[in-house]
Amino acid sequence: MELNPRSRDIIQNLIQKGVDIPNPLTLDIGKEVDVSRISGNGVKIFPGCRIYGEKTLIARDVRIGYEGPVTIENCQIGPGVELKGGFFKESVFLEKSSMGLGAHVREGCLLEEQARGAHCVALKQTILFPFVTIGSLVNFCDCLMAGGRGPRNHSEVGSSYIHFNFTPDGDKATPSLIGDVPRGVMVNQPPIFLGGQGGMVGPLRLGYGNVVAAGTILRNDSVEDNKFIVGKSYKGLVTDYTPYQYTSLSRVVRNNMFYLANLVALEQWYKYVRKLFFTRDATGTMLYEGAMEKLYMAKKERTARLKAMAEKMPASLKNHPARGQAAARKKEFQQKASGVCDMFLSDLIDTAQVKELRENFLSQLEAHMPSSNADYLVVIQTLPDSASMAGTRWLQQVVDELCRRVDSTFPSMRLFKI
């Protein structure tokens, strides 16, 4: 039996580079795959795997398919990553992150260092900060989750958890922010625990140190830190239903805008801070480019979903005739949503105050870094408290400035109090 003719030359080249391929006959590798983007140092590809896409990157010491066949399409996979079984598309996996058997990771995901998922985890447009751990049988799309200080002190999503991200009106303007970016990037916040067999109805916000009891369905924000949250069930009810009510429009828009502002803050963090650390590895630049691409994809996804919801405001006003502020909010959102969304896709956040705060933090970071080859997590987690606070102030200013601009555009909604 011979190798698949389409894959033969590529597989032979990979073997010559040093990639460990125990059963080459079982692999399918697309002719568009760039062999130069696959390391020969410690990489092992187990039987039954498929690798596609000209942007696919596989760094050193990666293990693919140990628990079952893996399909990879245009993913950027960092050093020491383990993708044990499943489907992975247009996502980034940073150093020593991992996913178990039956994973379904679709486009727009970014798993930072040592983030991990057990078996049968579904992700899409999801960002996990370092050490965040997801249990088995979980659907966790359209979320950003931070919190925790290490592999034994990490934010966790319990098994059989669901982030409910699709409404009866067909909307997906439902991203949930579990933790935040300005504090979360410092990797020094208390972990967040979402108990198993529970759920979250997006879009929601949740503070650090919060523990949500198993079986709880979260339907309301809980932005305070260090709370124990126990949900309650709805009473039985049968009543009339009409679509496009949007009775909580201001809250939904507020949480979407806050999520977008945090994405911009994370983009700034990558641009000015994380980029410094990617250059220590031969594949670092390509990993960095992949991460920045995914952050832009995240912003495009969120703005597209908001614009689609804004287009339903005429139907909402028709189905639910409103007066006064309620009607004004819907009309204002319909008319101005597109312009506000486009603001988040531009690069106009470099105000004098943002720049001053950023330069203050970067100078402290530079003084703290021992060398250009310093480990990212070690450097960030050993920053003096004053430096960590300076970094948080910079990123919080980015978030606050964007929220101010949103407020000035949506005066009838009164979204933020900054």
Protein backbone atom coordinates (compact mmCIF):
# COMPACT_ATOMS: atom_id res chain seq x y z
CA MET A 1 0.00 0.00 0.00
CA GLU A 2 1.44 3.36 -1.01
CA LEU A 3 1.08 6.82 0.47
CA ASN A 4 -1.73 9.02 -0.76
CA PRO A 5 -0.16 10.56 -3.90
CA ARG A 6 -1.34 14.03 -2.92
CA SER A 7 0.32 13.78 0.49
CA ARG A 8 3.35 11.62 -0.35
CA ASP A 9 5.93 14.31 -1.01
CA ILE A 10 4.84 16.43 1.95
CA ILE A 11 4.87 13.48 4.34
CA GLN A 12 8.29 12.38 3.13
CA ASN A 13 9.59 15.92 3.65
CA LEU A 14 8.17 15.99 7.18
CA ILE A 15 9.80 12.68 8.04
CA GLN A 16 13.10 13.95 6.68
CA LYS A 17 12.74 17.04 8.90
CA GLY A 18 12.41 14.78 11.94
CA VAL A 19 8.65 14.72 12.49
CA ASP A 20 7.66 11.45 14.18
CA ILE A 21 4.91 9.87 12.05
CA PRO A 22 4.35 6.26 13.21
CA ASN A 23 1.98 5.36 10.35
CA PRO A 24 2.42 7.67 7.34
CA LEU A 25 -0.11 5.69 5.27
CA THR A 26 -3.01 6.99 7.39
CA LEU A 27 -2.32 10.71 7.03
CA ASP A 28 -3.90 13.20 4.64
CA ILE A 29 -2.04 16.47 4.23
CA GLY A 30 -3.24 19.12 1.80
CA LYS A 31 -0.91 20.13 -1.00
CA GLU A 32 -1.28 23.74 0.15
CA VAL A 33 0.38 23.02 3.52
CA ASP A 34 3.72 24.80 3.86
CA VAL A 35 6.28 22.29 5.20
CA SER A 36 8.52 25.13 6.38
CA ARG A 37 5.81 26.07 8.91
CA ILE A 38 5.96 22.64 10.57
CA SER A 39 8.79 22.04 13.01
CA GLY A 40 10.78 18.84 12.91
CA ASN A 41 11.83 19.22 16.53
CA GLY A 42 9.86 16.88 18.80
CA VAL A 43 6.63 16.93 16.74
CA LYS A 44 4.61 13.71 16.67
CA ILE A 45 1.58 13.10 14.45
CA PHE A 46 -0.36 9.96 15.32
CA PRO A 47 -2.32 7.83 12.80
CA GLY A 48 -5.50 9.07 11.14
CA CYS A 49 -4.80 12.80 11.17
CA ARG A 50 -5.61 15.38 8.51
CA ILE A 51 -3.75 18.67 8.13
CA TYR A 52 -4.95 21.40 5.77
CA GLY A 53 -4.43 25.09 5.09
CA GLU A 54 -1.59 27.29 3.90
CA LYS A 55 -1.58 29.19 7.22
CA THR A 56 -1.18 26.08 9.37
CA LEU A 57 1.74 26.36 11.78
CA ILE A 58 3.02 23.57 14.04
CA ALA A 59 5.82 24.49 16.45
CA ARG A 60 8.24 22.25 18.33
CA ASP A 61 7.19 19.45 20.71
CA VAL A 62 3.57 19.38 19.49
CA ARG A 63 1.64 16.11 19.78
CA ILE A 64 -1.36 15.60 17.49
CA GLY A 65 -3.91 12.79 17.63
CA TYR A 66 -2.80 10.69 20.62
CA GLU A 67 -6.40 9.90 21.73
CA GLY A 68 -8.06 9.90 18.31
CA PRO A 69 -7.88 11.33 14.79
CA VAL A 70 -7.36 15.07 14.48
CA THR A 71 -8.32 17.45 11.67
CA ILE A 72 -6.44 20.75 11.55
CA GLU A 73 -7.30 23.59 9.17
CA ASN A 74 -5.34 26.85 9.20
CA CYS A 75 -4.46 26.75 12.91
CA GLN A 76 -1.34 28.18 14.52
CA ILE A 77 -0.10 25.73 17.14
CA GLY A 78 2.57 26.80 19.62
CA PRO A 79 5.32 24.85 21.40
CA GLY A 80 4.33 21.88 23.54
CA VAL A 81 0.65 21.93 22.56
CA GLU A 82 -1.37 18.70 22.65
CA LEU A 83 -4.42 18.31 20.42
CA LYS A 84 -5.49 14.83 21.40
CA GLY A 85 -8.50 14.29 19.15
CA GLY A 86 -11.10 16.28 17.24
CA PHE A 87 -11.57 19.14 14.79
CA PHE A 88 -9.63 22.43 14.93
CA LYS A 89 -10.11 25.32 12.51
CA GLU A 90 -8.67 28.86 12.26
CA SER A 91 -7.64 29.06 15.90
CA VAL A 92 -4.45 29.71 17.87
CA PHE A 93 -3.03 27.52 20.63
CA LEU A 94 -0.20 29.02 22.67
CA GLU A 95 2.48 27.13 24.57
CA LYS A 96 1.41 23.94 26.38
CA SER A 97 -2.31 24.46 25.86
CA SER A 98 -4.24 21.25 25.21
CA MET A 99 -7.58 19.80 24.14
CA GLY A 100 -8.89 16.27 24.72
CA LEU A 101 -10.66 13.72 22.58
CA GLY A 102 -13.76 14.88 20.71
CA ALA A 103 -12.87 18.57 20.75
CA HIS A 104 -14.66 20.82 18.26
CA VAL A 105 -12.76 24.10 18.09
CA ARG A 106 -13.99 26.33 15.30
CA GLU A 107 -12.81 29.67 13.98
CA GLY A 108 -11.79 32.64 16.11
CA CYS A 109 -10.49 30.84 19.20
CA LEU A 110 -7.37 31.83 21.13
CA LEU A 111 -6.11 29.54 23.87
CA GLU A 112 -3.28 31.11 25.82
CA GLU A 113 -0.55 29.29 27.73
CA GLN A 114 -1.61 26.09 29.51
CA ALA A 115 -5.32 26.67 28.89
CA ARG A 116 -6.90 23.28 28.46
CA GLY A 117 -10.08 21.37 27.78
CA ALA A 118 -11.07 17.80 28.63
CA HIS A 119 -13.00 15.56 26.23
CA CYS A 120 -15.89 16.72 24.03
CA VAL A 121 -15.45 20.49 24.39
CA ALA A 122 -16.96 22.80 21.77
CA LEU A 123 -15.48 26.28 21.30
CA LYS A 124 -16.01 29.03 18.74
CA GLN A 125 -15.01 32.69 19.01
CA THR A 126 -13.67 31.84 22.48
CA ILE A 127 -10.65 33.32 24.26
CA LEU A 128 -9.14 31.52 27.25
CA PHE A 129 -6.43 33.20 29.31
CA PRO A 130 -3.55 31.20 30.82
CA PHE A 131 -4.44 28.15 32.91
CA VAL A 132 -8.22 28.35 32.31
CA THR A 133 -9.55 24.80 32.39
CA ILE A 134 -12.73 23.45 30.82
CA GLY A 135 -14.28 20.14 31.91
CA SER A 136 -15.91 17.50 29.74
CA LEU A 137 -19.04 17.78 27.59
CA VAL A 138 -19.01 21.57 27.47
CA ASN A 139 -20.32 24.06 24.89
CA PHE A 140 -18.54 27.35 25.56
CA CYS A 141 -18.74 29.55 22.46
CA ASP A 142 -18.59 33.36 22.34
CA CYS A 143 -16.80 33.88 25.66
CA LEU A 144 -13.67 35.43 27.08
CA MET A 145 -12.54 33.88 30.37
CA ALA A 146 -9.66 34.90 32.61
CA GLY A 147 -8.63 34.38 36.23
CA GLY A 148 -6.22 32.20 38.18
CA ARG A 149 -2.51 32.28 38.88
CA GLY A 150 -1.26 28.84 37.86
CA PRO A 151 -2.08 25.24 36.92
CA ARG A 152 -3.25 24.55 40.49
CA ASN A 153 -5.05 27.86 40.90
CA HIS A 154 -7.07 28.27 37.74
CA SER A 155 -10.48 29.37 36.55
CA GLU A 156 -12.63 26.36 35.72
CA VAL A 157 -15.75 25.52 33.76
CA GLY A 158 -17.42 22.42 35.19
CA SER A 159 -18.48 19.46 33.08
CA SER A 160 -21.75 19.64 31.12
CA TYR A 161 -21.72 23.44 31.15
CA ILE A 162 -23.39 25.50 28.41
CA HIS A 163 -23.00 29.10 27.40
CA PHE A 164 -26.39 29.86 25.82
CA ASN A 165 -25.44 32.10 22.90
CA PHE A 166 -28.40 31.99 20.52
CA THR A 167 -31.73 33.69 21.19
CA PRO A 168 -35.25 32.77 20.02
CA ASP A 169 -35.07 35.83 17.74
CA GLY A 170 -32.00 34.40 16.00
CA ASP A 171 -29.50 36.78 17.56
CA LYS A 172 -25.94 35.96 18.57
CA ALA A 173 -25.11 39.34 20.10
CA THR A 174 -24.44 37.33 23.22
CA PRO A 175 -20.72 37.38 24.20
CA SER A 176 -19.97 36.90 27.88
CA LEU A 177 -17.00 38.41 29.69
CA ILE A 178 -15.88 36.19 32.55
CA GLY A 179 -13.29 38.30 34.29
CA ASP A 180 -11.86 41.14 32.21
CA VAL A 181 -8.81 42.07 30.17
CA PRO A 182 -7.19 44.94 32.15
CA ARG A 183 -6.78 42.83 35.29
CA GLY A 184 -6.79 39.42 33.65
CA VAL A 185 -3.64 39.88 31.56
CA MET A 186 -1.62 40.28 34.76
CA VAL A 187 -2.39 36.63 35.62
CA ASN A 188 -2.74 37.53 39.29
CA GLN A 189 -6.49 37.50 39.86
CA PRO A 190 -8.41 34.90 41.90
CA PRO A 191 -9.95 32.10 39.83
CA ILE A 192 -13.57 31.93 38.74
CA PHE A 193 -15.49 28.68 39.17
CA LEU A 194 -18.53 27.79 37.07
CA GLY A 195 -20.15 24.71 38.60
CA GLY A 196 -20.95 21.72 36.43
CA GLN A 197 -24.30 21.05 34.79
CA GLY A 198 -24.90 24.79 34.80
CA GLY A 199 -25.17 27.47 32.21
CA MET A 200 -24.93 31.14 31.38
CA VAL A 201 -27.38 33.09 29.22
CA GLY A 202 -25.24 35.56 27.31
CA PRO A 203 -24.36 38.34 27.15
CA LEU A 204 -23.22 38.40 30.79
CA ARG A 205 -20.36 39.76 32.87
CA LEU A 206 -18.84 38.02 35.87
CA GLY A 207 -16.26 39.23 38.39
CA TYR A 208 -13.12 37.50 39.67
CA GLY A 209 -13.17 35.05 42.55
CA ASN A 210 -16.82 34.22 42.00
CA VAL A 211 -18.01 30.69 42.63
CA VAL A 212 -21.22 29.62 40.86
CA ALA A 213 -22.95 26.61 42.37
CA ALA A 214 -23.39 23.49 40.26
CA GLY A 215 -26.64 23.41 38.33
CA THR A 216 -27.05 27.20 38.37
CA ILE A 217 -28.21 28.98 35.21
CA LEU A 218 -26.85 32.53 35.29
CA ARG A 219 -29.18 35.10 33.74
CA ASN A 220 -27.87 38.29 35.33
CA ASP A 221 -24.52 40.04 35.58
CA SER A 222 -22.48 39.64 38.75
CA VAL A 223 -19.57 42.04 38.31
CA GLU A 224 -18.58 42.17 41.98
CA ASP A 225 -15.69 39.94 43.02
CA ASN A 226 -15.54 37.01 45.44
CA LYS A 227 -19.22 36.09 45.58
CA PHE A 228 -20.92 32.71 45.96
CA ILE A 229 -23.82 32.53 43.50
CA VAL A 230 -26.69 30.07 43.68
CA GLY A 231 -29.38 30.24 41.00
CA LYS A 232 -33.07 29.61 41.32
CA SER A 233 -35.44 27.91 38.91
CA TYR A 234 -38.25 29.66 37.10
CA LYS A 235 -41.80 28.95 38.15
CA GLY A 236 -43.95 27.12 35.64
CA LEU A 237 -45.64 29.42 33.13
CA VAL A 238 -47.45 29.31 29.79
CA THR A 239 -48.19 32.66 28.16
CA ASP A 240 -48.31 34.39 24.80
CA TYR A 241 -45.04 35.00 22.97
CA THR A 242 -44.23 37.50 20.25
CA PRO A 243 -40.76 37.93 18.77
CA TYR A 244 -38.42 40.91 18.78
CA GLN A 245 -39.38 42.36 22.16
CA TYR A 246 -35.89 43.53 23.18
CA THR A 247 -37.05 44.63 26.61
CA SER A 248 -33.42 44.51 27.83
CA LEU A 249 -31.91 46.25 24.83
CA SER A 250 -29.73 48.65 26.83
CA ARG A 251 -28.19 45.84 28.88
CA VAL A 252 -27.53 43.71 25.81
CA VAL A 253 -25.90 46.61 23.95
CA ARG A 254 -23.91 47.63 27.05
CA ASN A 255 -22.43 44.17 27.51
CA ASN A 256 -21.58 43.86 23.81
CA MET A 257 -19.85 47.22 23.78
CA PHE A 258 -17.97 46.39 26.97
CA TYR A 259 -16.88 43.09 25.42
CA LEU A 260 -15.67 44.86 22.29
CA ALA A 261 -13.78 47.43 24.36
CA ASN A 262 -12.04 44.60 26.20
CA LEU A 263 -11.12 42.99 22.88
CA VAL A 264 -9.48 46.25 21.82
CA ALA A 265 -7.60 46.35 25.14
CA LEU A 266 -6.37 42.78 24.55
CA GLU A 267 -5.33 43.74 21.03
CA GLN A 268 -3.30 46.60 22.50
CA TRP A 269 -1.71 44.23 25.01
CA TYR A 270 -0.61 41.91 22.21
CA LYS A 271 0.63 44.77 20.07
CA TYR A 272 2.78 46.44 22.71
CA VAL A 273 3.56 43.72 25.26
CA ARG A 274 3.11 40.16 24.07
CA LYS A 275 4.87 40.85 20.78
CA LEU A 276 8.09 41.36 22.76
CA PHE A 277 8.00 37.72 23.89
CA PHE A 278 7.06 35.97 20.67
CA THR A 279 10.42 36.77 19.06
CA ARG A 280 12.27 34.35 21.36
CA ASP A 281 11.09 31.36 19.29
CA ALA A 282 11.61 30.74 15.56
CA THR A 283 7.87 30.35 15.07
CA GLY A 284 7.00 33.25 17.37
CA THR A 285 6.34 35.84 14.69
CA MET A 286 3.89 33.56 12.91
CA LEU A 287 2.14 32.76 16.22
CA TYR A 288 1.85 36.47 16.95
CA GLU A 289 0.39 37.16 13.52
CA GLY A 290 -2.10 34.35 14.03
CA ALA A 291 -3.16 35.71 17.42
CA MET A 292 -3.65 39.23 16.07
CA GLU A 293 -5.68 37.82 13.19
CA LYS A 294 -7.95 35.98 15.64
CA LEU A 295 -8.49 39.11 17.73
CA TYR A 296 -9.54 41.00 14.62
CA MET A 297 -11.81 38.10 13.68
CA ALA A 298 -13.37 38.36 17.15
CA LYS A 299 -14.11 42.04 16.65
CA LYS A 300 -15.57 41.41 13.19
CA GLU A 301 -17.81 38.67 14.58
CA ARG A 302 -19.12 40.78 17.44
CA THR A 303 -19.78 43.85 15.28
CA ALA A 304 -21.50 41.77 12.59
CA ARG A 305 -23.84 40.26 15.19
CA LEU A 306 -24.69 43.68 16.61
CA LYS A 307 -25.42 45.12 13.18
CA ALA A 308 -27.69 42.16 12.41
CA MET A 309 -29.61 42.77 15.64
CA ALA A 310 -29.94 46.48 14.86
CA GLU A 311 -31.65 45.61 11.59
CA LYS A 312 -34.47 44.00 13.57
CA MET A 313 -35.45 47.19 15.41
CA PRO A 314 -38.16 48.18 12.88
CA ALA A 315 -39.80 44.78 13.39
CA SER A 316 -39.50 45.25 17.15
CA LEU A 317 -41.22 48.63 17.01
CA LYS A 318 -43.94 47.17 14.80
CA ASN A 319 -44.59 44.16 17.02
CA HIS A 320 -44.28 46.10 20.25
CA PRO A 321 -45.27 49.73 19.76
CA ALA A 322 -43.23 51.70 22.26
CA ARG A 323 -43.30 55.28 23.42
CA GLY A 324 -40.85 57.66 24.99
CA GLN A 325 -37.39 56.40 25.87
CA ALA A 326 -38.09 52.78 24.90
CA ALA A 327 -38.86 53.77 21.31
CA ALA A 328 -36.01 56.28 21.23
CA ARG A 329 -33.49 53.64 22.31
CA LYS A 330 -34.53 51.24 19.55
CA LYS A 331 -34.48 53.92 16.87
CA GLU A 332 -31.15 55.24 18.07
CA PHE A 333 -29.62 51.76 18.06
CA GLN A 334 -30.89 51.03 14.56
CA GLN A 335 -29.55 54.30 13.16
CA LYS A 336 -26.17 54.42 14.87
CA ALA A 337 -25.12 50.82 15.51
CA SER A 338 -23.15 50.47 12.30
CA GLY A 339 -21.04 53.58 12.93
CA VAL A 340 -20.33 52.62 16.52
CA CYS A 341 -19.33 49.11 15.50
CA ASP A 342 -16.94 50.41 12.86
CA MET A 343 -15.22 52.48 15.57
CA PHE A 344 -13.99 49.27 17.19
CA LEU A 345 -12.46 48.11 13.91
CA SER A 346 -10.35 51.26 13.53
CA ASP A 347 -7.08 52.13 15.26
CA LEU A 348 -8.02 55.45 16.81
CA ILE A 349 -7.61 54.73 20.52
CA ASP A 350 -4.14 56.26 20.94
CA THR A 351 -5.21 59.34 22.94
CA ALA A 352 -2.64 61.36 24.87
CA GLN A 353 -3.74 59.83 28.18
CA VAL A 354 -3.70 56.27 26.82
CA LYS A 355 -0.23 56.84 25.37
CA GLU A 356 1.11 58.30 28.63
CA LEU A 357 -0.20 55.39 30.69
CA ARG A 358 1.13 52.87 28.17
CA GLU A 359 4.61 54.37 28.08
CA ASN A 360 4.71 54.43 31.88
CA PHE A 361 3.93 50.72 32.04
CA LEU A 362 6.28 49.74 29.21
CA SER A 363 9.18 51.50 30.88
CA GLN A 364 8.54 49.52 34.08
CA LEU A 365 8.20 46.30 32.09
CA GLU A 366 11.48 46.90 30.28
CA ALA A 367 13.30 47.52 33.55
CA HIS A 368 11.90 44.26 34.94
CA MET A 369 12.68 41.98 31.97
CA PRO A 370 15.95 40.11 32.54
CA SER A 371 16.60 39.42 28.84
CA SER A 372 15.03 39.27 25.40
CA ASN A 373 14.52 35.50 25.90
CA ALA A 374 12.51 35.91 29.09
CA ASP A 375 9.45 33.71 29.64
CA TYR A 376 6.21 35.66 29.26
CA LEU A 377 4.35 34.21 32.24
CA VAL A 378 7.36 34.44 34.55
CA VAL A 379 7.93 38.10 33.69
CA ILE A 380 4.29 39.16 33.99
CA GLN A 381 3.64 37.22 37.20
CA THR A 382 6.75 38.59 38.91
CA LEU A 383 6.07 42.23 38.10
CA PRO A 384 6.01 44.49 41.16
CA ASP A 385 2.49 45.36 42.25
CA SER A 386 3.03 48.96 41.18
CA ALA A 387 3.91 47.84 37.65
CA SER A 388 0.93 45.48 37.41
CA MET A 389 -1.37 48.27 38.55
CA ALA A 390 0.17 50.60 35.97
CA GLY A 391 -0.55 48.09 33.21
CA THR A 392 -4.11 47.65 34.39
CA ARG A 393 -4.64 51.42 34.48
CA TRP A 394 -3.43 51.70 30.88
CA LEU A 395 -5.75 48.99 29.57
CA GLN A 396 -8.66 50.19 31.68
CA GLN A 397 -8.20 53.64 30.17
CA VAL A 398 -8.52 52.04 26.72
CA VAL A 399 -11.79 50.40 27.78
CA ASP A 400 -13.10 53.55 29.46
CA GLU A 401 -12.28 55.78 26.50
CA LEU A 402 -14.16 53.50 24.11
CA CYS A 403 -17.13 53.33 26.47
CA ARG A 404 -17.22 57.14 26.65
CA ARG A 405 -17.39 57.31 22.87
CA VAL A 406 -20.21 54.79 22.82
CA ASP A 407 -22.09 56.78 25.46
CA SER A 408 -21.82 59.98 23.44
CA THR A 409 -23.32 58.18 20.43
CA PHE A 410 -26.15 56.45 22.33
CA PRO A 411 -27.29 59.17 24.80
CA SER A 412 -30.79 57.72 25.23
CA MET A 413 -29.46 54.36 26.42
CA ARG A 414 -27.28 55.69 29.25
CA LEU A 415 -25.06 52.65 28.98
CA PHE A 416 -22.06 53.58 31.12
CA LYS A 417 -21.32 55.74 34.12
CA ILE A 418 -17.68 56.74 33.64
